[in-house]
């Protein structure tokens, strides 16, 4: 295989509603800033911004560590979609996928003292919907959805 395929992605690509980062935890702060800025521009309140940002950070970290195995040659793509009554965020990695139903329950007695394994549990508590799709060629897309209050309108 030619060597240019092994070059690591070393920059962030930002578009209005999308950010692409190299698969490294060094870029989590940039993802946080991107998400917070976009959500505030849409007019979400502090609690909604906090819930979504915490959830996105956790799932992007999972995409980097568990999906892409910290491989700097791989990338994580994040897309924000403002819909009429909700905000959807997709986090896409280039990993082999996983079985969401096989994740251990973090509140089971045998898992209470473990230092890891609570992220997806917390994200499910903060978001209104969490789902996964798996690309046949490899890669997982995690979709997070937060519903808006009935009287809440987004700024565009």
C-alpha atoms as a PDB file:
ATOM      1  CA  UNK A   1       0.000   0.000   0.000  1.00  0.00           C
ATOM      2  CA  UNK A   2       1.375   3.453  -0.845  1.00  0.00           C
ATOM      3  CA  UNK A   3       2.646   5.370   2.164  1.00  0.00           C
ATOM      4  CA  UNK A   4       0.322   8.346   1.676  1.00  0.00           C
ATOM      5  CA  UNK A   5      -2.564   6.198   2.948  1.00  0.00           C
ATOM      6  CA  UNK A   6      -0.759   5.928   6.285  1.00  0.00           C
ATOM      7  CA  UNK A   7      -0.363   9.651   6.852  1.00  0.00           C
ATOM      8  CA  UNK A   8      -2.295  10.771   9.867  1.00  0.00           C
ATOM      9  CA  UNK A   9      -4.914  13.469   9.615  1.00  0.00           C
ATOM     10  CA  UNK A  10      -3.396  16.430  11.418  1.00  0.00           C
ATOM     11  CA  UNK A  11      -5.922  19.209  11.137  1.00  0.00           C
ATOM     12  CA  UNK A  12      -9.502  19.973  11.988  1.00  0.00           C
ATOM     13  CA  UNK A  13     -12.003  20.575   9.211  1.00  0.00           C
ATOM     14  CA  UNK A  14     -14.921  22.818  10.213  1.00  0.00           C
ATOM     15  CA  UNK A  15     -18.040  23.575   8.249  1.00  0.00           C
ATOM     16  CA  UNK A  16     -21.206  25.295   9.468  1.00  0.00           C
ATOM     17  CA  UNK A  17     -22.759  22.201  11.040  1.00  0.00           C
ATOM     18  CA  UNK A  18     -19.898  19.709  10.824  1.00  0.00           C
ATOM     19  CA  UNK A  19     -16.470  19.182  12.309  1.00  0.00           C
ATOM     20  CA  UNK A  20     -13.993  16.460  11.341  1.00  0.00           C
ATOM     21  CA  UNK A  21     -11.157  15.707  13.725  1.00  0.00           C
ATOM     22  CA  UNK A  22      -8.190  13.359  13.772  1.00  0.00           C
ATOM     23  CA  UNK A  23      -8.767  10.400  16.057  1.00  0.00           C
ATOM     24  CA  UNK A  24      -7.031  11.851  19.108  1.00  0.00           C
ATOM     25  CA  UNK A  25      -8.315  13.013  22.488  1.00  0.00           C
ATOM     26  CA  UNK A  26      -6.230  16.156  21.994  1.00  0.00           C
ATOM     27  CA  UNK A  27      -9.105  17.517  19.879  1.00  0.00           C
ATOM     28  CA  UNK A  28     -11.925  17.054  22.409  1.00  0.00           C
ATOM     29  CA  UNK A  29     -11.693  20.684  23.553  1.00  0.00           C
ATOM     30  CA  UNK A  30     -12.138  21.860  19.967  1.00  0.00           C
ATOM     31  CA  UNK A  31     -15.206  19.648  19.602  1.00  0.00           C
ATOM     32  CA  UNK A  32     -16.659  21.107  22.827  1.00  0.00           C
ATOM     33  CA  UNK A  33     -16.115  24.671  21.597  1.00  0.00           C
ATOM     34  CA  UNK A  34     -17.639  23.880  18.200  1.00  0.00           C
ATOM     35  CA  UNK A  35     -20.758  22.247  19.694  1.00  0.00           C
ATOM     36  CA  UNK A  36     -21.308  24.917  22.365  1.00  0.00           C
ATOM     37  CA  UNK A  37     -20.950  27.748  19.874  1.00  0.00           C
ATOM     38  CA  UNK A  38     -23.367  26.164  17.402  1.00  0.00           C
ATOM     39  CA  UNK A  39     -25.967  25.295  20.069  1.00  0.00           C
ATOM     40  CA  UNK A  40     -25.846  28.787  21.566  1.00  0.00           C
ATOM     41  CA  UNK A  41     -26.329  30.297  18.101  1.00  0.00           C
ATOM     42  CA  UNK A  42     -29.412  28.121  17.712  1.00  0.00           C
ATOM     43  CA  UNK A  43     -30.790  29.592  20.944  1.00  0.00           C
ATOM     44  CA  UNK A  44     -30.685  26.576  23.250  1.00  0.00           C
ATOM     45  CA  UNK A  45     -30.713  27.263  26.974  1.00  0.00           C
ATOM     46  CA  UNK A  46     -27.781  26.538  29.337  1.00  0.00           C
ATOM     47  CA  UNK A  47     -29.168  23.203  30.537  1.00  0.00           C
ATOM     48  CA  UNK A  48     -29.758  21.935  27.001  1.00  0.00           C
ATOM     49  CA  UNK A  49     -26.285  23.062  25.898  1.00  0.00           C
ATOM     50  CA  UNK A  50     -24.708  21.340  28.920  1.00  0.00           C
ATOM     51  CA  UNK A  51     -26.611  18.057  28.423  1.00  0.00           C
ATOM     52  CA  UNK A  52     -25.784  17.908  24.725  1.00  0.00           C
ATOM     53  CA  UNK A  53     -22.143  18.953  25.114  1.00  0.00           C
ATOM     54  CA  UNK A  54     -21.478  16.388  27.863  1.00  0.00           C
ATOM     55  CA  UNK A  55     -23.116  13.690  25.729  1.00  0.00           C
ATOM     56  CA  UNK A  56     -21.219  14.643  22.583  1.00  0.00           C
ATOM     57  CA  UNK A  57     -17.883  14.724  24.417  1.00  0.00           C
ATOM     58  CA  UNK A  58     -18.509  11.243  25.806  1.00  0.00           C
ATOM     59  CA  UNK A  59     -19.527   9.772  22.463  1.00  0.00           C
ATOM     60  CA  UNK A  60     -16.696  11.442  20.528  1.00  0.00           C
ATOM     61  CA  UNK A  61     -14.268  10.096  23.121  1.00  0.00           C
ATOM     62  CA  UNK A  62     -15.792   6.622  22.658  1.00  0.00           C
ATOM     63  CA  UNK A  63     -15.444   6.970  18.879  1.00  0.00           C
ATOM     64  CA  UNK A  64     -11.754   7.858  19.276  1.00  0.00           C
ATOM     65  CA  UNK A  65     -10.838   5.270  21.926  1.00  0.00           C
ATOM     66  CA  UNK A  66     -13.150   2.328  21.280  1.00  0.00           C
ATOM     67  CA  UNK A  67     -14.142   2.829  17.646  1.00  0.00           C
ATOM     68  CA  UNK A  68     -10.948   4.063  16.022  1.00  0.00           C
ATOM     69  CA  UNK A  69      -8.622   2.579  18.682  1.00  0.00           C
ATOM     70  CA  UNK A  70      -6.736   5.910  18.949  1.00  0.00           C
ATOM     71  CA  UNK A  71      -5.522   5.459  15.369  1.00  0.00           C
ATOM     72  CA  UNK A  72      -4.455   8.942  14.198  1.00  0.00           C
ATOM     73  CA  UNK A  73      -4.914   7.823  10.580  1.00  0.00           C
ATOM     74  CA  UNK A  74      -8.660   7.613  11.214  1.00  0.00           C
ATOM     75  CA  UNK A  75     -11.109  10.447  11.737  1.00  0.00           C
ATOM     76  CA  UNK A  76     -14.254  11.251  13.677  1.00  0.00           C
ATOM     77  CA  UNK A  77     -17.011  13.228  11.970  1.00  0.00           C
ATOM     78  CA  UNK A  78     -19.598  15.165  13.954  1.00  0.00           C
ATOM     79  CA  UNK A  79     -22.720  16.645  12.344  1.00  0.00           C
ATOM     80  CA  UNK A  80     -25.318  18.869  14.011  1.00  0.00           C
ATOM     81  CA  UNK A  81     -28.802  18.919  12.532  1.00  0.00           C
ATOM     82  CA  UNK A  82     -31.333  21.483  13.724  1.00  0.00           C
ATOM     83  CA  UNK A  83     -34.797  20.145  13.079  1.00  0.00           C
ATOM     84  CA  UNK A  84     -38.177  21.738  13.760  1.00  0.00           C
ATOM     85  CA  UNK A  85     -38.659  20.218  17.207  1.00  0.00           C
ATOM     86  CA  UNK A  86     -35.247  18.723  18.044  1.00  0.00           C
ATOM     87  CA  UNK A  87     -31.491  18.802  17.691  1.00  0.00           C
ATOM     88  CA  UNK A  88     -29.772  15.717  16.283  1.00  0.00           C
ATOM     89  CA  UNK A  89     -26.063  15.093  16.458  1.00  0.00           C
ATOM     90  CA  UNK A  90     -24.306  12.328  14.569  1.00  0.00           C
ATOM     91  CA  UNK A  91     -20.887  11.074  15.607  1.00  0.00           C
ATOM     92  CA  UNK A  92     -19.246   8.818  13.035  1.00  0.00           C
ATOM     93  CA  UNK A  93     -16.086   6.760  13.452  1.00  0.00           C
ATOM     94  CA  UNK A  94     -14.183   4.352  11.213  1.00  0.00           C
ATOM     95  CA  UNK A  95     -14.074   1.427  13.632  1.00  0.00           C
ATOM     96  CA  UNK A  96     -15.374  -2.124  13.378  1.00  0.00           C
ATOM     97  CA  UNK A  97     -18.563  -1.437  15.332  1.00  0.00           C
ATOM     98  CA  UNK A  98     -19.896  -3.038  18.489  1.00  0.00           C
ATOM     99  CA  UNK A  99     -23.053  -4.529  19.940  1.00  0.00           C
ATOM    100  CA  UNK A 100     -24.795  -1.868  22.055  1.00  0.00           C
ATOM    101  CA  UNK A 101     -26.842  -4.520  23.864  1.00  0.00           C
ATOM    102  CA  UNK A 102     -23.643  -6.194  25.057  1.00  0.00           C
ATOM    103  CA  UNK A 103     -22.478  -3.221  27.144  1.00  0.00           C
ATOM    104  CA  UNK A 104     -22.411  -4.148  30.837  1.00  0.00           C
ATOM    105  CA  UNK A 105     -24.873  -2.355  33.095  1.00  0.00           C
ATOM    106  CA  UNK A 106     -22.855   0.186  35.116  1.00  0.00           C
ATOM    107  CA  UNK A 107     -25.259   0.044  38.052  1.00  0.00           C
ATOM    108  CA  UNK A 108     -25.044  -3.729  38.442  1.00  0.00           C
ATOM    109  CA  UNK A 109     -23.374  -4.554  41.784  1.00  0.00           C
ATOM    110  CA  UNK A 110     -20.287  -6.071  40.123  1.00  0.00           C
ATOM    111  CA  UNK A 111     -19.720  -2.879  38.083  1.00  0.00           C
ATOM    112  CA  UNK A 112     -20.317  -0.171  40.684  1.00  0.00           C
ATOM    113  CA  UNK A 113     -16.664   0.257  41.603  1.00  0.00           C
ATOM    114  CA  UNK A 114     -15.290   0.110  38.055  1.00  0.00           C
ATOM    115  CA  UNK A 115     -13.704   3.322  36.837  1.00  0.00           C
ATOM    116  CA  UNK A 116     -15.037   2.991  33.275  1.00  0.00           C
ATOM    117  CA  UNK A 117     -18.233   1.981  31.576  1.00  0.00           C
ATOM    118  CA  UNK A 118     -20.682   4.709  32.577  1.00  0.00           C
ATOM    119  CA  UNK A 119     -20.517   6.991  29.551  1.00  0.00           C
ATOM    120  CA  UNK A 120     -23.261   5.495  27.391  1.00  0.00           C
ATOM    121  CA  UNK A 121     -25.452   5.126  30.490  1.00  0.00           C
ATOM    122  CA  UNK A 122     -25.039   8.839  31.282  1.00  0.00           C
ATOM    123  CA  UNK A 123     -25.629   9.861  27.663  1.00  0.00           C
ATOM    124  CA  UNK A 124     -28.884   7.878  27.589  1.00  0.00           C
ATOM    125  CA  UNK A 125     -29.985   9.722  30.737  1.00  0.00           C
ATOM    126  CA  UNK A 126     -29.169  13.167  29.306  1.00  0.00           C
ATOM    127  CA  UNK A 127     -30.499  12.733  25.784  1.00  0.00           C
ATOM    128  CA  UNK A 128     -34.006  11.884  24.579  1.00  0.00           C
ATOM    129  CA  UNK A 129     -32.831   9.286  22.074  1.00  0.00           C
ATOM    130  CA  UNK A 130     -29.554   7.463  21.401  1.00  0.00           C
ATOM    131  CA  UNK A 131     -29.270   5.084  18.460  1.00  0.00           C
ATOM    132  CA  UNK A 132     -26.550   3.460  16.414  1.00  0.00           C
ATOM    133  CA  UNK A 133     -26.159   2.447  12.812  1.00  0.00           C
ATOM    134  CA  UNK A 134     -23.324   0.437  11.380  1.00  0.00           C
ATOM    135  CA  UNK A 135     -21.866   0.964   7.929  1.00  0.00           C
ATOM    136  CA  UNK A 136     -21.231  -2.245   5.950  1.00  0.00           C
ATOM    137  CA  UNK A 137     -17.709  -1.095   5.026  1.00  0.00           C
ATOM    138  CA  UNK A 138     -16.922  -0.338   8.675  1.00  0.00           C
ATOM    139  CA  UNK A 139     -17.753   2.544  10.911  1.00  0.00           C
ATOM    140  CA  UNK A 140     -20.373   3.353  13.494  1.00  0.00           C
ATOM    141  CA  UNK A 141     -22.735   6.309  13.450  1.00  0.00           C
ATOM    142  CA  UNK A 142     -24.157   7.282  16.824  1.00  0.00           C
ATOM    143  CA  UNK A 143     -27.147   9.604  16.658  1.00  0.00           C
ATOM    144  CA  UNK A 144     -28.066  11.682  19.707  1.00  0.00           C
ATOM    145  CA  UNK A 145     -31.370  13.517  19.794  1.00  0.00           C
ATOM    146  CA  UNK A 146     -32.624  16.204  22.167  1.00  0.00           C
ATOM    147  CA  UNK A 147     -36.229  17.337  21.876  1.00  0.00           C
ATOM    148  CA  UNK A 148     -37.068  20.997  22.265  1.00  0.00           C
ATOM    149  CA  UNK A 149     -39.722  22.411  24.540  1.00  0.00           C
ATOM    150  CA  UNK A 150     -43.081  22.925  22.827  1.00  0.00           C
ATOM    151  CA  UNK A 151     -42.800  26.704  22.855  1.00  0.00           C
ATOM    152  CA  UNK A 152     -39.097  26.786  21.932  1.00  0.00           C
ATOM    153  CA  UNK A 153     -38.075  27.989  18.493  1.00  0.00           C
ATOM    154  CA  UNK A 154     -34.588  27.691  17.060  1.00  0.00           C
ATOM    155  CA  UNK A 155     -32.647  30.591  15.600  1.00  0.00           C
ATOM    156  CA  UNK A 156     -31.179  29.793  12.235  1.00  0.00           C
END
